[in-house]
Amino acid sequence: MPLLLLLLLCCLSPALRAAESGDFAAWLEELKSEARSSGISEQTLNLAFAEVETPIERVVELDRSQPEFVQTFTGYMQNRMSQA
């Protein structure tokens, strides 16, 4: 199973571009096609994607609008570590 996950992750990079368009079904089919091209069997794909559902649009929207900030390692450590 770890090998399956690794192979699927290797296929993700080109397929992620399709995900940007918002068409999840097209992205998923492209991902499956790339996985097949990499030698993953149809049986494995069916098992791996058996419970995959279309993402909830509101969750995607919230995920893409999360605030971001950059913190240096020193700043992180000063906020997290006591002066023991």
Protein backbone atom coordinates (compact mmCIF):
# COMPACT_ATOMS: atom_id res chain seq x y z
CA MET A 1 0.00 0.00 0.00
CA PRO A 2 2.84 2.53 0.67
CA LEU A 3 4.11 1.85 -2.85
CA LEU A 4 0.66 2.63 -4.25
CA LEU A 5 0.58 5.91 -2.37
CA LEU A 6 4.04 6.83 -3.60
CA LEU A 7 3.10 6.08 -7.20
CA LEU A 8 -0.09 8.11 -6.95
CA LEU A 9 1.76 11.05 -5.43
CA CYS A 10 4.27 10.94 -8.28
CA CYS A 11 1.38 11.32 -10.69
CA LEU A 12 -0.07 14.32 -8.92
CA SER A 13 2.10 17.16 -10.18
CA PRO A 14 0.76 17.42 -13.76
CA ALA A 15 -2.75 16.61 -12.61
CA LEU A 16 -2.71 19.43 -10.10
CA ARG A 17 -2.81 21.89 -12.99
CA ALA A 18 -6.16 20.44 -14.02
CA ALA A 19 -7.39 20.85 -10.45
CA GLU A 20 -6.75 24.59 -10.65
CA SER A 21 -9.54 24.92 -13.21
CA GLY A 22 -12.02 23.67 -10.63
CA ASP A 23 -13.16 20.65 -12.66
CA PHE A 24 -12.56 17.86 -10.15
CA ALA A 25 -13.95 15.09 -12.37
CA ALA A 26 -11.59 16.02 -15.22
CA TRP A 27 -8.67 16.24 -12.80
CA LEU A 28 -9.49 12.83 -11.34
CA GLU A 29 -9.71 11.21 -14.79
CA GLU A 30 -6.36 12.76 -15.76
CA LEU A 31 -4.81 11.46 -12.54
CA LYS A 32 -6.15 7.97 -13.20
CA SER A 33 -4.88 8.09 -16.78
CA GLU A 34 -1.41 9.07 -15.62
CA ALA A 35 -1.47 6.31 -13.01
CA ARG A 36 -2.41 3.75 -15.68
CA SER A 37 0.47 5.02 -17.83
CA SER A 38 2.77 4.46 -14.86
CA GLY A 39 1.71 0.82 -14.72
CA ILE A 40 -0.90 0.89 -11.95
CA SER A 41 -3.58 -1.70 -12.60
CA GLU A 42 -7.26 -0.91 -13.05
CA GLN A 43 -8.05 -3.05 -10.01
CA THR A 44 -5.67 -0.99 -7.86
CA LEU A 45 -7.12 2.27 -9.18
CA ASN A 46 -10.66 1.10 -8.46
CA LEU A 47 -9.65 0.17 -4.93
CA ALA A 48 -7.74 3.41 -4.33
CA PHE A 49 -10.49 5.68 -5.63
CA ALA A 50 -13.55 3.73 -4.48
CA GLU A 51 -14.54 6.30 -1.85
CA VAL A 52 -13.31 9.49 -3.51
CA GLU A 53 -16.00 12.16 -3.61
CA THR A 54 -16.23 15.58 -5.20
CA PRO A 55 -14.81 18.14 -2.77
CA ILE A 56 -17.19 20.40 -0.89
CA GLU A 57 -16.85 23.76 -2.62
CA ARG A 58 -17.05 25.76 0.62
CA VAL A 59 -14.18 23.77 2.13
CA VAL A 60 -12.02 24.44 -0.93
CA GLU A 61 -12.92 28.13 -0.80
CA LEU A 62 -11.99 28.38 2.88
CA ASP A 63 -8.76 26.47 2.32
CA ARG A 64 -7.67 28.81 -0.46
CA SER A 65 -8.39 31.92 1.58
CA GLN A 66 -6.45 31.04 4.72
CA PRO A 67 -4.20 33.83 5.94
CA GLU A 68 -0.48 33.23 5.60
CA PHE A 69 2.51 34.66 7.34
CA VAL A 70 6.24 34.00 7.40
CA GLN A 71 8.11 33.49 10.62
CA THR A 72 11.82 32.91 11.02
CA PHE A 73 13.07 29.88 12.88
CA THR A 74 14.48 32.14 15.61
CA GLY A 75 11.15 33.89 16.03
CA TYR A 76 9.33 30.56 16.16
CA MET A 77 11.71 29.19 18.80
CA GLN A 78 11.45 32.34 20.94
CA ASN A 79 7.66 31.99 20.99
CA ARG A 80 7.63 28.26 21.67
CA MET A 81 10.55 27.56 24.02
CA SER A 82 10.93 28.57 27.64
CA GLN A 83 14.19 30.03 28.95
CA ALA A 84 15.02 26.87 30.95
